[in-house]
């Protein structure tokens, strides 16, 4: 950082990496490093604005330390969702290794999203993790609640999880989406010959750049040996 200041950059932006267990360490380390350029008694870098960002001017360079993904949760929920998803997936895999539990079931299928000015059909692939009656689509980070009867799981997905996943799918496919609000998300999965097969059907409201649209989401999936 000191070398960049000496090189005369006008701005230096620092975007913290996220630590799952304690983001404070990251925040403090970065600001400590920035303070080192000036002096250890200068506390200006520790003053955060409304977006949890802080800045300081060193010689002719403005150093700006951005907010962590956790701090973006309120206005950027999708990023926070997938950060949490990655951490949860990591812990799930570690738990499975320690307990020698069976690997999660692979599922493949399609996802369809339809509404006014929205029409999307894509392949869908994930792993269905099961533990103590709890179910999760690991890659999408979608938690599932429901009851099992006669080899059929009936219930619903977590609406916030599904909303973040749909937000990411639309954004990755060139839709200028601002937010997704899921109003209903029913799920049914049946195990036939120890292979899952099921459907998620959901309704949501999508806030786009110029308008809002009601959308229908259908995810079909079935077990795969891959």
C-alpha atoms as a PDB file:
ATOM      1  CA  UNK A   1       0.000   0.000   0.000  1.00  0.00           C
ATOM      2  CA  UNK A   2       2.829   2.414   0.868  1.00  0.00           C
ATOM      3  CA  UNK A   3       4.407   1.756  -2.538  1.00  0.00           C
ATOM      4  CA  UNK A   4       1.162   2.618  -4.315  1.00  0.00           C
ATOM      5  CA  UNK A   5       0.956   5.888  -2.418  1.00  0.00           C
ATOM      6  CA  UNK A   6       4.542   6.671  -3.387  1.00  0.00           C
ATOM      7  CA  UNK A   7       3.651   5.913  -7.020  1.00  0.00           C
ATOM      8  CA  UNK A   8       1.151   8.773  -6.867  1.00  0.00           C
ATOM      9  CA  UNK A   9      -2.175   6.990  -7.452  1.00  0.00           C
ATOM     10  CA  UNK A  10      -5.159   9.332  -7.004  1.00  0.00           C
ATOM     11  CA  UNK A  11      -7.376   6.633  -5.499  1.00  0.00           C
ATOM     12  CA  UNK A  12      -6.802   3.229  -3.952  1.00  0.00           C
ATOM     13  CA  UNK A  13      -9.895   1.103  -3.361  1.00  0.00           C
ATOM     14  CA  UNK A  14      -9.636  -1.839  -0.960  1.00  0.00           C
ATOM     15  CA  UNK A  15     -12.397  -4.438  -1.018  1.00  0.00           C
ATOM     16  CA  UNK A  16     -12.184  -6.833   1.940  1.00  0.00           C
ATOM     17  CA  UNK A  17     -12.239 -10.572   1.474  1.00  0.00           C
ATOM     18  CA  UNK A  18     -14.784 -12.229   3.745  1.00  0.00           C
ATOM     19  CA  UNK A  19     -13.982 -14.571   6.623  1.00  0.00           C
ATOM     20  CA  UNK A  20     -16.896 -16.791   7.552  1.00  0.00           C
ATOM     21  CA  UNK A  21     -16.100 -16.885  11.239  1.00  0.00           C
ATOM     22  CA  UNK A  22     -15.333 -13.229  12.030  1.00  0.00           C
ATOM     23  CA  UNK A  23     -15.454 -10.327   9.608  1.00  0.00           C
ATOM     24  CA  UNK A  24     -14.167  -7.901  12.241  1.00  0.00           C
ATOM     25  CA  UNK A  25     -10.654  -9.311  11.854  1.00  0.00           C
ATOM     26  CA  UNK A  26     -10.664  -8.495   8.147  1.00  0.00           C
ATOM     27  CA  UNK A  27     -12.038  -5.011   8.669  1.00  0.00           C
ATOM     28  CA  UNK A  28      -9.523  -4.171  11.375  1.00  0.00           C
ATOM     29  CA  UNK A  29      -6.529  -5.666   9.552  1.00  0.00           C
ATOM     30  CA  UNK A  30      -7.200  -3.636   6.404  1.00  0.00           C
ATOM     31  CA  UNK A  31      -7.664  -0.417   8.301  1.00  0.00           C
ATOM     32  CA  UNK A  32      -4.592  -1.121  10.415  1.00  0.00           C
ATOM     33  CA  UNK A  33      -2.613  -1.542   7.198  1.00  0.00           C
ATOM     34  CA  UNK A  34      -3.933   1.745   5.877  1.00  0.00           C
ATOM     35  CA  UNK A  35      -3.098   3.490   9.148  1.00  0.00           C
ATOM     36  CA  UNK A  36       0.454   2.142   8.953  1.00  0.00           C
ATOM     37  CA  UNK A  37       0.983   4.357   5.914  1.00  0.00           C
ATOM     38  CA  UNK A  38       0.285   7.438   8.015  1.00  0.00           C
ATOM     39  CA  UNK A  39       0.871   6.759  11.706  1.00  0.00           C
ATOM     40  CA  UNK A  40      -0.515   4.410  14.290  1.00  0.00           C
ATOM     41  CA  UNK A  41      -2.175   7.187  16.253  1.00  0.00           C
ATOM     42  CA  UNK A  42      -4.315   8.327  13.319  1.00  0.00           C
ATOM     43  CA  UNK A  43      -7.855   6.966  13.781  1.00  0.00           C
ATOM     44  CA  UNK A  44      -9.553   8.672  10.824  1.00  0.00           C
ATOM     45  CA  UNK A  45      -9.591   5.391   8.873  1.00  0.00           C
ATOM     46  CA  UNK A  46     -11.759   3.812  11.572  1.00  0.00           C
ATOM     47  CA  UNK A  47     -14.642   6.233  10.996  1.00  0.00           C
ATOM     48  CA  UNK A  48     -17.253   4.485   8.850  1.00  0.00           C
ATOM     49  CA  UNK A  49     -19.946   6.143   6.747  1.00  0.00           C
ATOM     50  CA  UNK A  50     -23.544   5.031   6.211  1.00  0.00           C
ATOM     51  CA  UNK A  51     -22.340   2.264   3.872  1.00  0.00           C
ATOM     52  CA  UNK A  52     -19.747   0.972   6.362  1.00  0.00           C
ATOM     53  CA  UNK A  53     -16.939   2.380   4.220  1.00  0.00           C
ATOM     54  CA  UNK A  54     -14.034   4.452   5.491  1.00  0.00           C
ATOM     55  CA  UNK A  55     -11.481   6.651   3.784  1.00  0.00           C
ATOM     56  CA  UNK A  56      -8.365   8.653   4.450  1.00  0.00           C
ATOM     57  CA  UNK A  57      -6.151  10.936   2.360  1.00  0.00           C
ATOM     58  CA  UNK A  58      -2.430  10.219   2.403  1.00  0.00           C
ATOM     59  CA  UNK A  59      -0.339  12.818   0.635  1.00  0.00           C
ATOM     60  CA  UNK A  60      -2.313  13.132  -2.655  1.00  0.00           C
ATOM     61  CA  UNK A  61      -3.881   9.655  -2.568  1.00  0.00           C
ATOM     62  CA  UNK A  62      -7.353   8.899  -1.250  1.00  0.00           C
ATOM     63  CA  UNK A  63      -7.533   5.407   0.270  1.00  0.00           C
ATOM     64  CA  UNK A  64     -11.048   3.943   0.498  1.00  0.00           C
ATOM     65  CA  UNK A  65     -11.746   0.725   2.406  1.00  0.00           C
ATOM     66  CA  UNK A  66     -15.019  -0.842   1.282  1.00  0.00           C
ATOM     67  CA  UNK A  67     -17.588  -2.745   3.259  1.00  0.00           C
ATOM     68  CA  UNK A  68     -17.591  -6.520   3.679  1.00  0.00           C
ATOM     69  CA  UNK A  69     -20.232  -8.712   2.061  1.00  0.00           C
ATOM     70  CA  UNK A  70     -21.790  -9.275   5.479  1.00  0.00           C
ATOM     71  CA  UNK A  71     -22.152  -5.511   5.872  1.00  0.00           C
ATOM     72  CA  UNK A  72     -23.908  -5.381   2.470  1.00  0.00           C
ATOM     73  CA  UNK A  73     -26.630  -7.774   3.640  1.00  0.00           C
ATOM     74  CA  UNK A  74     -29.437  -5.197   3.831  1.00  0.00           C
ATOM     75  CA  UNK A  75     -29.031  -3.773   0.320  1.00  0.00           C
ATOM     76  CA  UNK A  76     -27.221  -6.596  -1.486  1.00  0.00           C
ATOM     77  CA  UNK A  77     -28.834  -9.770  -0.117  1.00  0.00           C
ATOM     78  CA  UNK A  78     -27.844 -12.047  -3.013  1.00  0.00           C
ATOM     79  CA  UNK A  79     -24.113 -11.617  -2.381  1.00  0.00           C
ATOM     80  CA  UNK A  80     -24.601 -12.304   1.309  1.00  0.00           C
ATOM     81  CA  UNK A  81     -26.776 -15.318   0.496  1.00  0.00           C
ATOM     82  CA  UNK A  82     -24.127 -16.978  -1.660  1.00  0.00           C
ATOM     83  CA  UNK A  83     -21.386 -16.186   0.858  1.00  0.00           C
ATOM     84  CA  UNK A  84     -23.434 -17.970   3.519  1.00  0.00           C
ATOM     85  CA  UNK A  85     -24.197 -20.762   1.052  1.00  0.00           C
ATOM     86  CA  UNK A  86     -20.493 -21.343   0.403  1.00  0.00           C
ATOM     87  CA  UNK A  87     -19.745 -21.435   4.118  1.00  0.00           C
ATOM     88  CA  UNK A  88     -22.634 -23.791   4.837  1.00  0.00           C
ATOM     89  CA  UNK A  89     -21.594 -26.092   1.974  1.00  0.00           C
ATOM     90  CA  UNK A  90     -18.079 -26.203   3.386  1.00  0.00           C
ATOM     91  CA  UNK A  91     -19.358 -27.145   6.844  1.00  0.00           C
ATOM     92  CA  UNK A  92     -21.771 -29.736   5.409  1.00  0.00           C
ATOM     93  CA  UNK A  93     -18.950 -31.438   3.531  1.00  0.00           C
ATOM     94  CA  UNK A  94     -16.722 -31.406   6.591  1.00  0.00           C
ATOM     95  CA  UNK A  95     -19.499 -32.858   8.744  1.00  0.00           C
ATOM     96  CA  UNK A  96     -20.055 -35.625   6.206  1.00  0.00           C
ATOM     97  CA  UNK A  97     -16.345 -36.481   6.196  1.00  0.00           C
ATOM     98  CA  UNK A  98     -16.201 -36.638  10.003  1.00  0.00           C
ATOM     99  CA  UNK A  99     -19.305 -38.802  10.330  1.00  0.00           C
ATOM    100  CA  UNK A 100     -18.694 -40.850   7.170  1.00  0.00           C
ATOM    101  CA  UNK A 101     -22.228 -40.072   6.098  1.00  0.00           C
ATOM    102  CA  UNK A 102     -23.500 -40.812   2.610  1.00  0.00           C
ATOM    103  CA  UNK A 103     -22.746 -38.098   0.007  1.00  0.00           C
ATOM    104  CA  UNK A 104     -25.555 -35.715  -0.971  1.00  0.00           C
ATOM    105  CA  UNK A 105     -27.765 -36.787  -3.846  1.00  0.00           C
ATOM    106  CA  UNK A 106     -27.092 -35.204  -7.235  1.00  0.00           C
ATOM    107  CA  UNK A 107     -30.130 -33.825  -9.046  1.00  0.00           C
ATOM    108  CA  UNK A 108     -30.465 -32.455 -12.569  1.00  0.00           C
ATOM    109  CA  UNK A 109     -33.343 -30.838 -14.394  1.00  0.00           C
ATOM    110  CA  UNK A 110     -34.511 -27.470 -15.643  1.00  0.00           C
ATOM    111  CA  UNK A 111     -35.479 -24.077 -14.284  1.00  0.00           C
ATOM    112  CA  UNK A 112     -38.104 -21.981 -16.047  1.00  0.00           C
ATOM    113  CA  UNK A 113     -38.866 -18.360 -15.198  1.00  0.00           C
ATOM    114  CA  UNK A 114     -41.760 -16.702 -17.010  1.00  0.00           C
ATOM    115  CA  UNK A 115     -43.518 -13.366 -16.726  1.00  0.00           C
ATOM    116  CA  UNK A 116     -44.057 -10.091 -18.563  1.00  0.00           C
ATOM    117  CA  UNK A 117     -40.888  -9.448 -20.602  1.00  0.00           C
ATOM    118  CA  UNK A 118     -39.190 -12.385 -18.876  1.00  0.00           C
ATOM    119  CA  UNK A 119     -38.833 -15.810 -20.459  1.00  0.00           C
ATOM    120  CA  UNK A 120     -35.989 -18.062 -19.396  1.00  0.00           C
ATOM    121  CA  UNK A 121     -35.371 -21.798 -19.523  1.00  0.00           C
ATOM    122  CA  UNK A 122     -32.061 -23.218 -18.322  1.00  0.00           C
ATOM    123  CA  UNK A 123     -30.510 -26.479 -17.137  1.00  0.00           C
ATOM    124  CA  UNK A 124     -30.558 -26.950 -13.378  1.00  0.00           C
ATOM    125  CA  UNK A 125     -28.077 -29.011 -11.408  1.00  0.00           C
ATOM    126  CA  UNK A 126     -27.494 -29.276  -7.684  1.00  0.00           C
ATOM    127  CA  UNK A 127     -26.906 -31.600  -4.741  1.00  0.00           C
ATOM    128  CA  UNK A 128     -29.636 -32.385  -2.219  1.00  0.00           C
ATOM    129  CA  UNK A 129     -28.155 -32.527   1.287  1.00  0.00           C
ATOM    130  CA  UNK A 130     -30.138 -34.278   4.017  1.00  0.00           C
ATOM    131  CA  UNK A 131     -29.430 -34.264   7.738  1.00  0.00           C
ATOM    132  CA  UNK A 132     -31.774 -34.936  10.673  1.00  0.00           C
ATOM    133  CA  UNK A 133     -34.863 -34.172   8.635  1.00  0.00           C
ATOM    134  CA  UNK A 134     -33.413 -30.967   7.180  1.00  0.00           C
ATOM    135  CA  UNK A 135     -33.004 -30.591   3.422  1.00  0.00           C
ATOM    136  CA  UNK A 136     -30.907 -28.144   1.395  1.00  0.00           C
ATOM    137  CA  UNK A 137     -30.171 -27.626  -2.286  1.00  0.00           C
ATOM    138  CA  UNK A 138     -26.524 -26.908  -1.627  1.00  0.00           C
ATOM    139  CA  UNK A 139     -25.308 -24.998  -4.688  1.00  0.00           C
ATOM    140  CA  UNK A 140     -28.369 -22.768  -4.883  1.00  0.00           C
ATOM    141  CA  UNK A 141     -28.370 -22.399  -1.104  1.00  0.00           C
ATOM    142  CA  UNK A 142     -32.093 -23.115  -0.856  1.00  0.00           C
ATOM    143  CA  UNK A 143     -33.300 -24.511   2.472  1.00  0.00           C
ATOM    144  CA  UNK A 144     -36.357 -26.744   2.474  1.00  0.00           C
ATOM    145  CA  UNK A 145     -38.929 -27.404   5.189  1.00  0.00           C
ATOM    146  CA  UNK A 146     -41.579 -30.083   5.009  1.00  0.00           C
ATOM    147  CA  UNK A 147     -42.712 -33.511   6.084  1.00  0.00           C
ATOM    148  CA  UNK A 148     -42.069 -36.941   4.599  1.00  0.00           C
ATOM    149  CA  UNK A 149     -44.880 -39.428   4.101  1.00  0.00           C
ATOM    150  CA  UNK A 150     -44.778 -42.552   1.926  1.00  0.00           C
ATOM    151  CA  UNK A 151     -41.380 -41.580   0.469  1.00  0.00           C
ATOM    152  CA  UNK A 152     -42.636 -38.128  -0.521  1.00  0.00           C
ATOM    153  CA  UNK A 153     -41.348 -34.854   0.883  1.00  0.00           C
ATOM    154  CA  UNK A 154     -43.998 -32.134   0.774  1.00  0.00           C
ATOM    155  CA  UNK A 155     -43.336 -28.605   1.926  1.00  0.00           C
ATOM    156  CA  UNK A 156     -41.867 -25.327   0.777  1.00  0.00           C
ATOM    157  CA  UNK A 157     -38.550 -23.664   0.186  1.00  0.00           C
ATOM    158  CA  UNK A 158     -37.242 -20.727   2.173  1.00  0.00           C
ATOM    159  CA  UNK A 159     -38.627 -17.726   0.271  1.00  0.00           C
ATOM    160  CA  UNK A 160     -35.614 -15.478   0.875  1.00  0.00           C
ATOM    161  CA  UNK A 161     -33.207 -18.211  -0.283  1.00  0.00           C
ATOM    162  CA  UNK A 162     -35.194 -18.831  -3.452  1.00  0.00           C
ATOM    163  CA  UNK A 163     -35.494 -15.092  -4.105  1.00  0.00           C
ATOM    164  CA  UNK A 164     -31.724 -14.622  -3.923  1.00  0.00           C
ATOM    165  CA  UNK A 165     -31.157 -17.580  -6.234  1.00  0.00           C
ATOM    166  CA  UNK A 166     -33.664 -16.278  -8.811  1.00  0.00           C
ATOM    167  CA  UNK A 167     -32.120 -12.796  -8.551  1.00  0.00           C
ATOM    168  CA  UNK A 168     -28.722 -14.296  -9.446  1.00  0.00           C
ATOM    169  CA  UNK A 169     -30.126 -16.364 -12.327  1.00  0.00           C
ATOM    170  CA  UNK A 170     -31.838 -13.342 -13.884  1.00  0.00           C
ATOM    171  CA  UNK A 171     -28.826 -11.064 -13.376  1.00  0.00           C
ATOM    172  CA  UNK A 172     -26.493 -13.611 -14.939  1.00  0.00           C
ATOM    173  CA  UNK A 173     -28.761 -13.729 -17.980  1.00  0.00           C
ATOM    174  CA  UNK A 174     -28.749  -9.983 -18.705  1.00  0.00           C
ATOM    175  CA  UNK A 175     -31.943  -8.994 -16.884  1.00  0.00           C
ATOM    176  CA  UNK A 176     -31.583  -5.680 -15.055  1.00  0.00           C
ATOM    177  CA  UNK A 177     -33.240  -6.890 -11.874  1.00  0.00           C
ATOM    178  CA  UNK A 178     -33.304  -4.833  -8.676  1.00  0.00           C
ATOM    179  CA  UNK A 179     -34.988  -7.253  -6.290  1.00  0.00           C
ATOM    180  CA  UNK A 180     -37.086 -10.422  -6.091  1.00  0.00           C
ATOM    181  CA  UNK A 181     -39.872 -11.036  -3.599  1.00  0.00           C
ATOM    182  CA  UNK A 182     -41.138 -14.620  -3.483  1.00  0.00           C
ATOM    183  CA  UNK A 183     -44.750 -14.942  -2.341  1.00  0.00           C
ATOM    184  CA  UNK A 184     -45.165 -18.735  -2.500  1.00  0.00           C
ATOM    185  CA  UNK A 185     -42.785 -21.647  -3.019  1.00  0.00           C
ATOM    186  CA  UNK A 186     -44.273 -25.136  -2.870  1.00  0.00           C
ATOM    187  CA  UNK A 187     -42.107 -28.224  -3.184  1.00  0.00           C
ATOM    188  CA  UNK A 188     -42.696 -31.928  -3.659  1.00  0.00           C
ATOM    189  CA  UNK A 189     -39.994 -34.612  -3.946  1.00  0.00           C
ATOM    190  CA  UNK A 190     -40.653 -38.337  -4.239  1.00  0.00           C
ATOM    191  CA  UNK A 191     -38.017 -41.055  -3.887  1.00  0.00           C
ATOM    192  CA  UNK A 192     -38.422 -43.899  -6.369  1.00  0.00           C
ATOM    193  CA  UNK A 193     -35.839 -46.688  -6.220  1.00  0.00           C
ATOM    194  CA  UNK A 194     -33.818 -44.443  -3.877  1.00  0.00           C
ATOM    195  CA  UNK A 195     -33.669 -41.692  -6.506  1.00  0.00           C
ATOM    196  CA  UNK A 196     -35.313 -38.283  -5.869  1.00  0.00           C
ATOM    197  CA  UNK A 197     -37.654 -36.697  -8.376  1.00  0.00           C
ATOM    198  CA  UNK A 198     -39.507 -33.497  -7.711  1.00  0.00           C
ATOM    199  CA  UNK A 199     -40.672 -29.992  -8.522  1.00  0.00           C
ATOM    200  CA  UNK A 200     -40.538 -26.533  -7.010  1.00  0.00           C
ATOM    201  CA  UNK A 201     -43.318 -24.193  -8.092  1.00  0.00           C
ATOM    202  CA  UNK A 202     -43.161 -20.586  -6.976  1.00  0.00           C
ATOM    203  CA  UNK A 203     -44.687 -17.176  -7.544  1.00  0.00           C
ATOM    204  CA  UNK A 204     -42.724 -13.955  -7.150  1.00  0.00           C
ATOM    205  CA  UNK A 205     -42.610 -10.271  -7.943  1.00  0.00           C
ATOM    206  CA  UNK A 206     -39.558  -8.995  -9.795  1.00  0.00           C
ATOM    207  CA  UNK A 207     -38.519  -5.343  -9.616  1.00  0.00           C
ATOM    208  CA  UNK A 208     -36.749  -4.543 -12.877  1.00  0.00           C
ATOM    209  CA  UNK A 209     -35.062  -1.341 -14.018  1.00  0.00           C
ATOM    210  CA  UNK A 210     -38.134   0.174 -15.638  1.00  0.00           C
ATOM    211  CA  UNK A 211     -41.028  -1.901 -14.272  1.00  0.00           C
ATOM    212  CA  UNK A 212     -42.246  -4.634 -11.966  1.00  0.00           C
ATOM    213  CA  UNK A 213     -43.395  -8.026 -13.169  1.00  0.00           C
ATOM    214  CA  UNK A 214     -45.118 -11.025 -11.632  1.00  0.00           C
ATOM    215  CA  UNK A 215     -43.178 -14.155 -12.462  1.00  0.00           C
ATOM    216  CA  UNK A 216     -43.678 -17.894 -12.205  1.00  0.00           C
ATOM    217  CA  UNK A 217     -40.757 -20.164 -11.329  1.00  0.00           C
ATOM    218  CA  UNK A 218     -40.730 -23.902 -12.007  1.00  0.00           C
ATOM    219  CA  UNK A 219     -37.762 -26.078 -11.119  1.00  0.00           C
ATOM    220  CA  UNK A 220     -37.907 -29.741 -12.080  1.00  0.00           C
ATOM    221  CA  UNK A 221     -35.249 -32.164 -10.884  1.00  0.00           C
ATOM    222  CA  UNK A 222     -34.520 -35.823 -10.638  1.00  0.00           C
ATOM    223  CA  UNK A 223     -31.752 -37.941  -9.238  1.00  0.00           C
ATOM    224  CA  UNK A 224     -28.552 -38.403 -11.175  1.00  0.00           C
ATOM    225  CA  UNK A 225     -25.652 -40.811 -10.770  1.00  0.00           C
ATOM    226  CA  UNK A 226     -23.145 -38.122 -11.818  1.00  0.00           C
END
